N, C-alpha and C. Protein backbone atom coordinates (compact mmCIF):
# COMPACT_ATOMS: atom_id res chain seq x y z
N MET A 1 133.85 99.65 71.63
CA MET A 1 133.46 99.73 73.04
C MET A 1 132.79 101.07 73.34
N ILE A 2 133.32 102.12 72.74
CA ILE A 2 132.74 103.45 72.96
C ILE A 2 131.34 103.52 72.38
N GLU A 3 131.13 102.93 71.21
CA GLU A 3 129.80 102.93 70.59
C GLU A 3 128.79 102.18 71.46
N ALA A 4 129.24 101.06 72.02
CA ALA A 4 128.36 100.27 72.89
C ALA A 4 127.98 101.07 74.13
N TYR A 5 128.96 101.79 74.67
CA TYR A 5 128.69 102.61 75.86
C TYR A 5 127.71 103.73 75.55
N GLU A 6 127.90 104.40 74.40
CA GLU A 6 127.00 105.49 74.03
C GLU A 6 125.58 105.00 73.81
N LEU A 7 125.44 103.79 73.23
CA LEU A 7 124.12 103.21 73.04
C LEU A 7 123.47 102.89 74.39
N TYR A 8 124.27 102.31 75.27
CA TYR A 8 123.81 102.01 76.63
C TYR A 8 123.39 103.28 77.36
N LYS A 9 124.21 104.30 77.26
CA LYS A 9 123.93 105.58 77.91
C LYS A 9 122.65 106.20 77.38
N SER A 10 122.46 106.14 76.06
CA SER A 10 121.28 106.73 75.44
C SER A 10 120.01 106.03 75.91
N LYS A 11 120.02 104.70 75.92
CA LYS A 11 118.85 103.94 76.35
C LYS A 11 118.57 104.14 77.83
N PHE A 12 119.64 104.19 78.61
CA PHE A 12 119.48 104.35 80.06
C PHE A 12 118.89 105.73 80.37
N CYS A 13 119.39 106.75 79.69
CA CYS A 13 118.88 108.11 79.89
C CYS A 13 117.41 108.21 79.48
N LYS A 14 117.04 107.50 78.42
CA LYS A 14 115.65 107.52 77.97
C LYS A 14 114.72 106.95 79.05
N ILE A 15 115.14 105.85 79.68
CA ILE A 15 114.35 105.25 80.75
C ILE A 15 114.23 106.23 81.92
N CYS A 16 115.33 106.87 82.26
CA CYS A 16 115.33 107.83 83.37
C CYS A 16 114.42 109.02 83.08
N GLU A 17 114.46 109.51 81.85
CA GLU A 17 113.60 110.63 81.48
C GLU A 17 112.13 110.26 81.58
N GLU A 18 111.80 109.05 81.14
CA GLU A 18 110.42 108.58 81.25
C GLU A 18 110.01 108.44 82.71
N LEU A 19 110.93 107.96 83.53
CA LEU A 19 110.66 107.80 84.96
C LEU A 19 110.41 109.15 85.63
N VAL A 20 111.23 110.12 85.28
CA VAL A 20 111.07 111.47 85.85
C VAL A 20 109.73 112.07 85.43
N ALA A 21 109.39 111.93 84.15
CA ALA A 21 108.12 112.47 83.64
C ALA A 21 106.94 111.81 84.36
N PHE A 22 107.03 110.50 84.53
CA PHE A 22 105.98 109.77 85.24
C PHE A 22 105.88 110.24 86.69
N GLY A 23 107.05 110.39 87.33
CA GLY A 23 107.08 110.83 88.73
C GLY A 23 106.45 112.19 88.92
N LEU A 24 106.73 113.11 88.01
CA LEU A 24 106.16 114.46 88.10
C LEU A 24 104.65 114.43 87.91
N LYS A 25 104.20 113.61 86.96
CA LYS A 25 102.76 113.48 86.70
C LYS A 25 102.05 112.91 87.93
N GLU A 26 102.63 111.89 88.54
CA GLU A 26 102.02 111.27 89.71
C GLU A 26 102.04 112.21 90.91
N ALA A 27 103.08 113.01 91.02
CA ALA A 27 103.15 113.99 92.11
C ALA A 27 102.02 115.01 91.96
N GLN A 28 101.74 115.40 90.72
CA GLN A 28 100.64 116.33 90.46
C GLN A 28 99.30 115.68 90.81
N ASN A 29 99.17 114.40 90.50
CA ASN A 29 97.94 113.68 90.84
C ASN A 29 97.73 113.61 92.35
N ARG A 30 98.81 113.38 93.07
CA ARG A 30 98.70 113.32 94.54
C ARG A 30 98.33 114.68 95.12
N GLU A 31 98.92 115.73 94.56
CA GLU A 31 98.59 117.08 95.04
C GLU A 31 97.15 117.43 94.72
N LYS A 32 96.68 116.98 93.56
CA LYS A 32 95.29 117.22 93.18
C LYS A 32 94.34 116.53 94.16
N GLU A 33 94.66 115.31 94.54
CA GLU A 33 93.84 114.58 95.51
C GLU A 33 93.85 115.28 96.86
N LYS A 34 95.01 115.79 97.26
CA LYS A 34 95.10 116.52 98.54
C LYS A 34 94.23 117.77 98.51
N THR A 35 94.27 118.48 97.39
CA THR A 35 93.46 119.70 97.25
C THR A 35 91.98 119.38 97.34
N MET A 36 91.56 118.32 96.66
CA MET A 36 90.15 117.92 96.69
C MET A 36 89.75 117.47 98.09
N PHE A 37 90.65 116.76 98.74
CA PHE A 37 90.38 116.29 100.11
C PHE A 37 90.20 117.46 101.07
N LEU A 38 91.12 118.42 101.01
CA LEU A 38 91.04 119.58 101.91
C LEU A 38 89.79 120.40 101.63
N ALA A 39 89.40 120.49 100.35
CA ALA A 39 88.19 121.24 99.99
C ALA A 39 86.96 120.56 100.60
N ALA A 40 86.92 119.23 100.55
CA ALA A 40 85.79 118.48 101.12
C ALA A 40 85.74 118.65 102.64
N VAL A 41 86.92 118.60 103.27
CA VAL A 41 86.99 118.77 104.73
C VAL A 41 86.53 120.16 105.14
N ASN A 42 87.03 121.17 104.44
CA ASN A 42 86.66 122.55 104.78
C ASN A 42 85.18 122.82 104.53
N LYS A 43 84.63 122.20 103.50
CA LYS A 43 83.20 122.36 103.22
C LYS A 43 82.36 121.79 104.36
N ALA A 44 82.77 120.61 104.85
CA ALA A 44 82.04 119.99 105.96
C ALA A 44 82.17 120.83 107.23
N LYS A 45 83.36 121.36 107.48
CA LYS A 45 83.59 122.18 108.67
C LYS A 45 82.80 123.49 108.60
N ASP A 46 82.77 124.09 107.42
CA ASP A 46 82.02 125.34 107.26
C ASP A 46 80.53 125.13 107.49
N ALA A 47 80.00 124.01 106.96
CA ALA A 47 78.57 123.72 107.15
C ALA A 47 78.28 123.51 108.63
N ASP A 48 79.18 122.80 109.31
CA ASP A 48 79.02 122.57 110.75
C ASP A 48 79.07 123.88 111.52
N LYS A 49 79.99 124.75 111.13
CA LYS A 49 80.13 126.04 111.81
C LYS A 49 78.87 126.89 111.63
N GLU A 50 78.33 126.89 110.43
CA GLU A 50 77.11 127.68 110.17
C GLU A 50 75.96 127.18 111.03
N GLN A 51 75.83 125.86 111.15
CA GLN A 51 74.76 125.30 111.99
C GLN A 51 74.96 125.70 113.44
N GLY A 52 76.21 125.60 113.90
CA GLY A 52 76.50 125.92 115.29
C GLY A 52 76.26 127.38 115.61
N VAL A 53 76.69 128.25 114.71
CA VAL A 53 76.51 129.69 114.92
C VAL A 53 75.02 130.04 114.99
N LEU A 54 74.23 129.40 114.13
CA LEU A 54 72.79 129.65 114.13
C LEU A 54 72.16 129.25 115.47
N VAL A 55 72.55 128.08 115.98
CA VAL A 55 72.02 127.61 117.26
C VAL A 55 72.44 128.54 118.39
N ILE A 56 73.69 128.94 118.39
CA ILE A 56 74.21 129.81 119.46
C ILE A 56 73.54 131.17 119.42
N ASN A 57 73.37 131.72 118.22
CA ASN A 57 72.72 133.03 118.11
C ASN A 57 71.27 132.98 118.59
N GLU A 58 70.60 131.89 118.28
CA GLU A 58 69.22 131.74 118.75
C GLU A 58 69.18 131.66 120.27
N PHE A 59 70.16 130.97 120.85
CA PHE A 59 70.21 130.87 122.31
C PHE A 59 70.51 132.24 122.93
N LEU A 60 71.44 132.96 122.33
CA LEU A 60 71.79 134.28 122.87
C LEU A 60 70.59 135.23 122.84
N THR A 61 69.80 135.11 121.77
CA THR A 61 68.59 135.92 121.67
C THR A 61 67.60 135.53 122.79
N TYR A 62 67.45 134.23 122.97
CA TYR A 62 66.57 133.73 124.03
C TYR A 62 67.09 134.15 125.41
N LYS A 63 68.40 134.05 125.60
CA LYS A 63 69.00 134.42 126.88
C LYS A 63 68.77 135.90 127.19
N LYS A 64 68.93 136.74 126.18
CA LYS A 64 68.72 138.18 126.36
C LYS A 64 67.28 138.46 126.75
N LYS A 65 66.36 137.73 126.12
CA LYS A 65 64.94 137.89 126.42
C LYS A 65 64.65 137.49 127.87
N VAL A 66 65.23 136.35 128.30
CA VAL A 66 65.00 135.88 129.67
C VAL A 66 65.59 136.85 130.69
N LEU A 67 66.78 137.34 130.43
CA LEU A 67 67.41 138.27 131.37
C LEU A 67 66.60 139.57 131.48
N THR A 68 66.02 140.00 130.35
CA THR A 68 65.16 141.18 130.38
C THR A 68 63.93 140.93 131.25
N GLU A 69 63.36 139.75 131.09
CA GLU A 69 62.18 139.39 131.88
C GLU A 69 62.52 139.27 133.36
N LEU A 70 63.69 138.74 133.66
CA LEU A 70 64.11 138.60 135.06
C LEU A 70 64.26 139.97 135.73
N GLY A 71 64.62 140.93 134.95
CA GLY A 71 64.77 142.27 135.50
C GLY A 71 63.45 142.96 135.78
N GLN A 72 62.37 142.32 135.30
CA GLN A 72 61.06 142.95 135.44
C GLN A 72 60.15 142.22 136.44
N VAL A 73 60.68 141.12 137.00
CA VAL A 73 59.87 140.37 137.98
C VAL A 73 60.60 140.29 139.32
N SER A 74 59.78 140.11 140.38
CA SER A 74 60.37 140.01 141.72
C SER A 74 59.92 138.74 142.45
N ASP A 75 58.99 138.02 141.86
CA ASP A 75 58.49 136.79 142.47
C ASP A 75 59.59 135.72 142.39
N PRO A 76 60.05 135.23 143.56
CA PRO A 76 61.13 134.22 143.58
C PRO A 76 60.80 132.98 142.77
N ARG A 77 59.55 132.56 142.81
CA ARG A 77 59.16 131.36 142.08
C ARG A 77 59.27 131.56 140.57
N VAL A 78 58.87 132.73 140.11
CA VAL A 78 58.98 133.04 138.68
C VAL A 78 60.44 133.13 138.28
N ILE A 79 61.24 133.75 139.14
CA ILE A 79 62.68 133.89 138.87
C ILE A 79 63.33 132.51 138.76
N ASP A 80 63.01 131.63 139.73
CA ASP A 80 63.58 130.28 139.71
C ASP A 80 63.16 129.52 138.45
N GLN A 81 61.91 129.71 138.06
CA GLN A 81 61.41 129.03 136.87
C GLN A 81 62.14 129.51 135.61
N LYS A 82 62.32 130.84 135.52
CA LYS A 82 63.01 131.41 134.36
C LYS A 82 64.46 130.90 134.28
N ILE A 83 65.12 130.88 135.43
CA ILE A 83 66.51 130.42 135.47
C ILE A 83 66.59 128.94 135.10
N SER A 84 65.64 128.16 135.60
CA SER A 84 65.60 126.74 135.28
C SER A 84 65.39 126.52 133.79
N GLU A 85 64.50 127.31 133.19
CA GLU A 85 64.25 127.20 131.76
C GLU A 85 65.48 127.60 130.95
N LEU A 86 66.19 128.61 131.44
CA LEU A 86 67.40 129.05 130.75
C LEU A 86 68.47 127.97 130.81
N GLN A 87 68.62 127.35 131.98
CA GLN A 87 69.60 126.28 132.13
C GLN A 87 69.25 125.08 131.26
N GLU A 88 67.95 124.78 131.18
CA GLU A 88 67.52 123.66 130.35
C GLU A 88 67.79 123.94 128.88
N GLU A 89 67.56 125.19 128.48
CA GLU A 89 67.82 125.56 127.09
C GLU A 89 69.32 125.50 126.78
N LEU A 90 70.13 125.90 127.77
CA LEU A 90 71.58 125.83 127.60
C LEU A 90 72.03 124.38 127.43
N SER A 91 71.42 123.49 128.21
CA SER A 91 71.73 122.06 128.10
C SER A 91 71.32 121.54 126.73
N ASN A 92 70.18 122.02 126.23
CA ASN A 92 69.72 121.60 124.91
C ASN A 92 70.68 122.07 123.82
N VAL A 93 71.18 123.30 124.01
CA VAL A 93 72.14 123.85 123.05
C VAL A 93 73.40 122.99 123.04
N TRP A 94 73.88 122.62 124.22
CA TRP A 94 75.06 121.78 124.33
C TRP A 94 74.84 120.43 123.62
N ASP A 95 73.69 119.83 123.88
CA ASP A 95 73.39 118.54 123.24
C ASP A 95 73.33 118.68 121.72
N THR A 96 72.75 119.77 121.27
CA THR A 96 72.65 120.00 119.82
C THR A 96 74.02 120.17 119.19
N LEU A 97 74.87 120.99 119.83
CA LEU A 97 76.21 121.23 119.31
C LEU A 97 77.05 119.96 119.32
N MET A 98 76.90 119.15 120.40
CA MET A 98 77.63 117.89 120.45
C MET A 98 77.12 116.92 119.39
N GLY A 99 75.82 117.01 119.08
CA GLY A 99 75.27 116.19 118.00
C GLY A 99 75.87 116.58 116.66
N TYR A 100 75.99 117.89 116.44
CA TYR A 100 76.63 118.38 115.22
C TYR A 100 78.09 117.91 115.15
N GLU A 101 78.76 117.97 116.30
CA GLU A 101 80.17 117.56 116.34
C GLU A 101 80.32 116.08 116.02
N LEU A 102 79.43 115.26 116.58
CA LEU A 102 79.46 113.83 116.30
C LEU A 102 79.22 113.57 114.81
N GLN A 103 78.25 114.29 114.26
CA GLN A 103 77.95 114.15 112.84
C GLN A 103 79.15 114.55 111.99
N LEU A 104 79.79 115.66 112.35
CA LEU A 104 80.96 116.13 111.61
C LEU A 104 82.10 115.13 111.72
N ALA A 105 82.31 114.61 112.94
CA ALA A 105 83.39 113.65 113.15
C ALA A 105 83.20 112.42 112.27
N GLU A 106 81.96 111.96 112.16
CA GLU A 106 81.66 110.79 111.33
C GLU A 106 81.88 111.10 109.85
N GLN A 107 81.47 112.31 109.44
CA GLN A 107 81.68 112.71 108.05
C GLN A 107 83.17 112.77 107.71
N LEU A 108 83.93 113.40 108.61
CA LEU A 108 85.37 113.54 108.37
C LEU A 108 86.07 112.19 108.40
N GLU A 109 85.58 111.29 109.25
CA GLU A 109 86.17 109.96 109.30
C GLU A 109 85.98 109.24 107.96
N ASP A 110 84.78 109.37 107.38
CA ASP A 110 84.52 108.75 106.08
C ASP A 110 85.38 109.39 104.99
N VAL A 111 85.47 110.72 105.03
CA VAL A 111 86.30 111.43 104.04
C VAL A 111 87.75 111.03 104.17
N ASN A 112 88.23 110.94 105.41
CA ASN A 112 89.62 110.55 105.66
C ASN A 112 89.91 109.15 105.14
N LYS A 113 88.98 108.23 105.38
CA LYS A 113 89.18 106.85 104.93
C LYS A 113 89.21 106.78 103.40
N ASP A 114 88.31 107.52 102.76
CA ASP A 114 88.30 107.55 101.29
C ASP A 114 89.62 108.12 100.76
N PHE A 115 90.10 109.17 101.42
CA PHE A 115 91.35 109.80 100.99
C PHE A 115 92.52 108.84 101.19
N GLU A 116 92.57 108.15 102.31
CA GLU A 116 93.65 107.21 102.57
C GLU A 116 93.66 106.09 101.53
N ARG A 117 92.46 105.59 101.18
CA ARG A 117 92.38 104.53 100.17
C ARG A 117 92.88 105.04 98.81
N THR A 118 92.46 106.25 98.47
CA THR A 118 92.89 106.83 97.20
C THR A 118 94.40 107.01 97.16
N MET A 119 94.96 107.54 98.24
CA MET A 119 96.41 107.75 98.29
C MET A 119 97.17 106.43 98.30
N SER A 120 96.60 105.42 98.94
CA SER A 120 97.24 104.10 98.94
C SER A 120 97.25 103.51 97.54
N ASP A 121 96.13 103.71 96.82
CA ASP A 121 96.06 103.23 95.43
C ASP A 121 97.08 103.95 94.55
N LEU A 122 97.15 105.26 94.71
CA LEU A 122 98.12 106.04 93.93
C LEU A 122 99.55 105.63 94.26
N SER A 123 99.81 105.44 95.55
CA SER A 123 101.14 105.05 95.98
C SER A 123 101.49 103.66 95.47
N GLY A 124 100.50 102.75 95.49
CA GLY A 124 100.74 101.40 94.99
C GLY A 124 101.03 101.38 93.50
N THR A 125 100.24 102.14 92.75
CA THR A 125 100.46 102.23 91.31
C THR A 125 101.82 102.85 90.99
N PHE A 126 102.15 103.91 91.75
CA PHE A 126 103.44 104.58 91.56
C PHE A 126 104.58 103.61 91.83
N THR A 127 104.51 102.91 92.95
CA THR A 127 105.58 101.97 93.33
C THR A 127 105.76 100.88 92.29
N GLU A 128 104.64 100.32 91.84
CA GLU A 128 104.69 99.25 90.84
C GLU A 128 105.33 99.73 89.54
N THR A 129 104.95 100.92 89.10
CA THR A 129 105.50 101.45 87.85
C THR A 129 106.97 101.80 88.00
N VAL A 130 107.33 102.39 89.14
CA VAL A 130 108.74 102.73 89.39
C VAL A 130 109.60 101.47 89.38
N GLN A 131 109.11 100.43 90.03
CA GLN A 131 109.86 99.17 90.06
C GLN A 131 110.02 98.60 88.66
N ASN A 132 109.02 98.79 87.82
CA ASN A 132 109.11 98.32 86.43
C ASN A 132 110.20 99.09 85.67
N TYR A 133 110.26 100.39 85.89
CA TYR A 133 111.31 101.20 85.24
C TYR A 133 112.70 100.75 85.70
N PHE A 134 112.84 100.50 86.98
CA PHE A 134 114.15 100.10 87.49
C PHE A 134 114.50 98.68 87.04
N THR A 135 113.50 97.84 86.82
CA THR A 135 113.76 96.52 86.25
C THR A 135 114.33 96.68 84.85
N GLN A 136 113.78 97.62 84.09
CA GLN A 136 114.32 97.90 82.76
C GLN A 136 115.77 98.37 82.84
N CYS A 137 116.05 99.20 83.86
CA CYS A 137 117.43 99.68 84.05
C CYS A 137 118.38 98.51 84.33
N ARG A 138 117.94 97.58 85.19
CA ARG A 138 118.80 96.45 85.52
C ARG A 138 119.00 95.53 84.30
N GLU A 139 117.93 95.33 83.53
CA GLU A 139 118.05 94.51 82.33
C GLU A 139 119.02 95.14 81.34
N LEU A 140 118.91 96.46 81.19
CA LEU A 140 119.81 97.17 80.28
C LEU A 140 121.24 97.10 80.79
N GLU A 141 121.41 97.23 82.08
CA GLU A 141 122.74 97.13 82.68
C GLU A 141 123.35 95.75 82.46
N LEU A 142 122.52 94.71 82.59
CA LEU A 142 123.00 93.35 82.37
C LEU A 142 123.42 93.13 80.92
N MET A 143 122.60 93.65 80.00
CA MET A 143 122.95 93.52 78.58
C MET A 143 124.27 94.24 78.29
N HIS A 144 124.43 95.42 78.87
CA HIS A 144 125.66 96.18 78.67
C HIS A 144 126.85 95.45 79.28
N HIS A 145 126.63 94.85 80.44
CA HIS A 145 127.70 94.11 81.11
C HIS A 145 128.15 92.92 80.26
N ASP A 146 127.18 92.19 79.73
CA ASP A 146 127.51 91.04 78.88
C ASP A 146 128.28 91.49 77.64
N LYS A 147 127.82 92.57 77.03
CA LYS A 147 128.50 93.09 75.83
C LYS A 147 129.89 93.58 76.18
N LEU A 148 130.00 94.25 77.32
CA LEU A 148 131.29 94.78 77.75
C LEU A 148 132.27 93.65 78.05
N THR A 149 131.77 92.59 78.69
CA THR A 149 132.62 91.44 79.00
C THR A 149 133.12 90.78 77.72
N GLU A 150 132.21 90.61 76.78
CA GLU A 150 132.57 90.00 75.50
C GLU A 150 133.62 90.84 74.77
N THR A 151 133.40 92.15 74.74
CA THR A 151 134.34 93.05 74.06
C THR A 151 135.69 93.06 74.76
N ALA A 152 135.67 93.10 76.11
CA ALA A 152 136.91 93.15 76.87
C ALA A 152 137.75 91.89 76.64
N LEU A 153 137.10 90.74 76.57
CA LEU A 153 137.83 89.49 76.35
C LEU A 153 138.42 89.43 74.94
N LEU A 154 137.68 89.99 73.98
CA LEU A 154 138.22 90.06 72.62
C LEU A 154 139.46 90.95 72.56
N ILE A 155 139.36 92.08 73.26
CA ILE A 155 140.52 92.98 73.31
C ILE A 155 141.68 92.30 74.02
N MET A 156 141.36 91.52 75.07
CA MET A 156 142.38 90.81 75.81
C MET A 156 143.16 89.86 74.89
N GLU A 157 142.43 89.17 74.03
CA GLU A 157 143.08 88.25 73.10
C GLU A 157 144.02 89.00 72.16
N LYS A 158 143.55 90.15 71.69
CA LYS A 158 144.38 90.94 70.78
C LYS A 158 145.61 91.50 71.47
N VAL A 159 145.43 91.85 72.76
CA VAL A 159 146.58 92.35 73.52
C VAL A 159 147.63 91.26 73.65
N VAL A 160 147.16 90.06 73.99
CA VAL A 160 148.08 88.93 74.15
C VAL A 160 148.81 88.62 72.84
N LYS A 161 148.07 88.70 71.73
CA LYS A 161 148.66 88.41 70.42
C LYS A 161 149.33 89.62 69.79
N ASN A 162 149.23 90.76 70.54
CA ASN A 162 149.81 92.01 70.04
C ASN A 162 149.22 92.39 68.67
N GLU A 163 147.89 92.28 68.56
CA GLU A 163 147.20 92.55 67.30
C GLU A 163 146.32 93.79 67.37
N LEU A 164 146.45 94.59 68.42
CA LEU A 164 145.63 95.80 68.54
C LEU A 164 146.03 96.81 67.49
N GLU A 165 145.02 97.38 66.84
CA GLU A 165 145.29 98.39 65.82
C GLU A 165 145.61 99.74 66.44
N GLU A 166 145.05 100.00 67.65
CA GLU A 166 145.31 101.27 68.34
C GLU A 166 145.92 101.00 69.70
N GLU A 167 146.79 101.88 70.11
CA GLU A 167 147.46 101.74 71.41
C GLU A 167 146.48 102.10 72.52
N LEU A 168 146.41 101.24 73.55
CA LEU A 168 145.53 101.52 74.69
C LEU A 168 146.19 102.50 75.64
N PRO A 169 145.39 103.36 76.29
CA PRO A 169 145.95 104.24 77.33
C PRO A 169 146.60 103.39 78.43
N GLU A 170 147.57 103.94 79.11
CA GLU A 170 148.33 103.18 80.09
C GLU A 170 147.45 102.63 81.21
N ASP A 171 146.51 103.47 81.75
CA ASP A 171 145.67 103.00 82.85
C ASP A 171 144.73 101.88 82.41
N LEU A 172 144.31 101.89 81.13
CA LEU A 172 143.45 100.84 80.61
C LEU A 172 144.25 99.58 80.31
N ARG A 173 145.46 99.75 79.82
CA ARG A 173 146.32 98.60 79.50
C ARG A 173 146.63 97.79 80.75
N LEU A 174 146.70 98.47 81.91
CA LEU A 174 146.99 97.75 83.16
C LEU A 174 145.90 96.74 83.52
N LEU A 175 144.68 96.96 83.01
CA LEU A 175 143.59 96.02 83.30
C LEU A 175 143.69 94.77 82.44
N PHE A 176 144.38 94.88 81.32
CA PHE A 176 144.48 93.75 80.40
C PHE A 176 145.75 92.94 80.64
N VAL A 177 146.01 92.68 81.91
CA VAL A 177 147.16 91.85 82.29
C VAL A 177 146.85 90.38 82.06
N ASP A 178 145.65 89.98 82.51
CA ASP A 178 145.19 88.61 82.29
C ASP A 178 143.67 88.61 82.30
N LYS A 179 143.09 87.46 82.00
CA LYS A 179 141.64 87.34 81.89
C LYS A 179 140.94 87.63 83.21
N ASP A 180 141.50 87.14 84.32
CA ASP A 180 140.85 87.34 85.62
C ASP A 180 140.81 88.81 86.00
N THR A 181 141.87 89.52 85.71
CA THR A 181 141.93 90.94 86.08
C THR A 181 140.86 91.75 85.34
N ILE A 182 140.77 91.56 84.05
CA ILE A 182 139.80 92.34 83.27
C ILE A 182 138.37 91.90 83.61
N THR A 183 138.16 90.58 83.84
CA THR A 183 136.83 90.09 84.19
C THR A 183 136.39 90.64 85.54
N ASN A 184 137.30 90.67 86.50
CA ASN A 184 136.98 91.22 87.82
C ASN A 184 136.65 92.70 87.75
N ALA A 185 137.38 93.42 86.90
CA ALA A 185 137.13 94.86 86.76
C ALA A 185 135.75 95.12 86.17
N VAL A 186 135.39 94.34 85.14
CA VAL A 186 134.08 94.50 84.51
C VAL A 186 132.97 94.11 85.48
N ASN A 187 133.17 93.02 86.21
CA ASN A 187 132.17 92.57 87.18
C ASN A 187 131.98 93.58 88.32
N THR A 188 133.08 94.15 88.78
CA THR A 188 133.01 95.16 89.85
C THR A 188 132.21 96.37 89.40
N SER A 189 132.48 96.81 88.16
CA SER A 189 131.72 97.94 87.61
C SER A 189 130.24 97.60 87.53
N HIS A 190 129.93 96.40 87.10
CA HIS A 190 128.54 95.94 86.99
C HIS A 190 127.86 95.93 88.36
N ASP A 191 128.55 95.43 89.35
CA ASP A 191 128.00 95.37 90.71
C ASP A 191 127.73 96.76 91.27
N LEU A 192 128.65 97.68 91.02
CA LEU A 192 128.48 99.06 91.50
C LEU A 192 127.29 99.74 90.83
N HIS A 193 127.15 99.49 89.54
CA HIS A 193 126.01 100.06 88.82
C HIS A 193 124.69 99.52 89.37
N ASN A 194 124.63 98.20 89.58
CA ASN A 194 123.41 97.60 90.13
C ASN A 194 123.11 98.12 91.53
N GLN A 195 124.15 98.34 92.29
CA GLN A 195 123.96 98.85 93.66
C GLN A 195 123.36 100.25 93.62
N ARG A 196 123.86 101.06 92.73
CA ARG A 196 123.33 102.43 92.61
C ARG A 196 121.88 102.40 92.11
N ILE A 197 121.58 101.51 91.20
CA ILE A 197 120.20 101.37 90.71
C ILE A 197 119.28 100.93 91.84
N ASP A 198 119.71 99.93 92.60
CA ASP A 198 118.91 99.43 93.72
C ASP A 198 118.70 100.50 94.77
N ASN A 199 119.76 101.22 95.10
CA ASN A 199 119.67 102.27 96.13
C ASN A 199 118.71 103.38 95.73
N LYS A 200 118.78 103.76 94.46
CA LYS A 200 117.90 104.84 93.99
C LYS A 200 116.43 104.36 93.99
N GLU A 201 116.21 103.12 93.60
CA GLU A 201 114.85 102.57 93.63
C GLU A 201 114.31 102.57 95.06
N ASP A 202 115.12 102.08 96.00
CA ASP A 202 114.69 102.04 97.40
C ASP A 202 114.42 103.44 97.93
N GLU A 203 115.25 104.40 97.54
CA GLU A 203 115.10 105.78 98.01
C GLU A 203 113.77 106.37 97.54
N ILE A 204 113.44 106.18 96.27
CA ILE A 204 112.21 106.75 95.71
C ILE A 204 110.98 106.09 96.32
N VAL A 205 110.97 104.76 96.34
CA VAL A 205 109.81 104.03 96.87
C VAL A 205 109.60 104.34 98.35
N THR A 206 110.69 104.36 99.10
CA THR A 206 110.60 104.63 100.54
C THR A 206 110.11 106.04 100.81
N ARG A 207 110.61 107.01 100.04
CA ARG A 207 110.21 108.40 100.25
C ARG A 207 108.73 108.60 100.00
N VAL A 208 108.22 108.02 98.93
CA VAL A 208 106.80 108.17 98.62
C VAL A 208 105.95 107.51 99.70
N GLY A 209 106.37 106.32 100.13
CA GLY A 209 105.62 105.63 101.19
C GLY A 209 105.63 106.40 102.49
N ASN A 210 106.79 106.93 102.86
CA ASN A 210 106.91 107.69 104.11
C ASN A 210 106.09 108.98 104.05
N ASN A 211 106.11 109.64 102.89
CA ASN A 211 105.33 110.87 102.74
C ASN A 211 103.84 110.60 102.90
N LYS A 212 103.38 109.48 102.34
CA LYS A 212 101.97 109.12 102.45
C LYS A 212 101.59 108.86 103.91
N GLU A 213 102.42 108.06 104.60
CA GLU A 213 102.14 107.73 106.00
C GLU A 213 102.20 108.97 106.88
N SER A 214 103.18 109.84 106.62
CA SER A 214 103.34 111.05 107.42
C SER A 214 102.16 111.99 107.24
N TYR A 215 101.71 112.14 105.99
CA TYR A 215 100.57 113.04 105.72
C TYR A 215 99.30 112.50 106.36
N ASN A 216 99.08 111.19 106.24
CA ASN A 216 97.90 110.58 106.86
C ASN A 216 97.93 110.72 108.38
N ALA A 217 99.13 110.57 108.95
CA ALA A 217 99.26 110.69 110.41
C ALA A 217 98.95 112.11 110.87
N ARG A 218 99.39 113.11 110.09
CA ARG A 218 99.11 114.50 110.44
C ARG A 218 97.61 114.79 110.36
N ILE A 219 96.96 114.21 109.36
CA ILE A 219 95.51 114.38 109.23
C ILE A 219 94.80 113.81 110.45
N MET A 220 95.19 112.60 110.83
CA MET A 220 94.56 111.93 111.96
C MET A 220 94.79 112.70 113.25
N GLU A 221 96.01 113.14 113.48
CA GLU A 221 96.33 113.88 114.70
C GLU A 221 95.59 115.21 114.72
N GLY A 222 95.51 115.88 113.57
CA GLY A 222 94.79 117.15 113.51
C GLY A 222 93.32 116.98 113.82
N GLU A 223 92.71 115.90 113.35
CA GLU A 223 91.30 115.65 113.61
C GLU A 223 91.06 115.32 115.08
N VAL A 224 91.98 114.56 115.68
CA VAL A 224 91.85 114.23 117.11
C VAL A 224 91.92 115.50 117.95
N GLN A 225 92.88 116.37 117.64
CA GLN A 225 93.03 117.61 118.39
C GLN A 225 91.82 118.52 118.19
N ARG A 226 91.31 118.58 116.95
CA ARG A 226 90.13 119.42 116.68
C ARG A 226 88.94 118.94 117.47
N ASN A 227 88.73 117.63 117.49
CA ASN A 227 87.59 117.05 118.20
C ASN A 227 87.70 117.29 119.70
N ARG A 228 88.88 117.11 120.25
CA ARG A 228 89.08 117.33 121.69
C ARG A 228 88.83 118.79 122.04
N HIS A 229 89.30 119.69 121.20
CA HIS A 229 89.13 121.12 121.46
C HIS A 229 87.65 121.50 121.43
N ARG A 230 86.91 120.93 120.48
CA ARG A 230 85.48 121.26 120.37
C ARG A 230 84.71 120.74 121.58
N VAL A 231 85.01 119.51 122.00
CA VAL A 231 84.30 118.90 123.11
C VAL A 231 84.63 119.59 124.43
N ALA A 232 85.89 120.05 124.56
CA ALA A 232 86.31 120.65 125.83
C ALA A 232 85.83 122.08 126.00
N ARG A 233 85.39 122.72 124.93
CA ARG A 233 84.98 124.13 125.01
C ARG A 233 83.67 124.28 125.76
């Protein structure tokens, strides 16, 4: 029985080690995608900022020129014309900046959608592989349970016939009162093991899914706030 348990333990640990290694690799892949995504977003924002700064600086230069000219004229009609031209140029600047903002928003929307699809694919692949590992765990647990049941019943027969070569510990001997008692004990252990396997699988899959949804939601909210702030300025 001890040899069977050690074999079960060894195989189970091997599956767990492979699962952990896979999980770490996939976590690195997700972080790599996040880094690439943020780099693309920042590149688009920087390009937009450079365009905007150039437009604003050109307007400020024009504004300074107009104000200088206004200080040198006294004709009301000329003054009104200069002010009207300045206001029109300011409106043009606003339209240009809003055009840049619309362009940026569309670019970021495309980048966000590509990122969400990539993360969904990674999450889907991760979930499928994790479920496969846990299926292996359940299959191994079932094989161990069947072997344990078979061994326990054989020991039960020897206990009844008083043919055991070694004395069982007192707490273990209490389980070998009858067939139902030992069978129930083995089945209970099997059920508890399966429950722990199921719970751990649900925990891992749920955490990865929640992390993906939470990260995507933060991206979306951040973009909405950025856009509102730009438009309101």
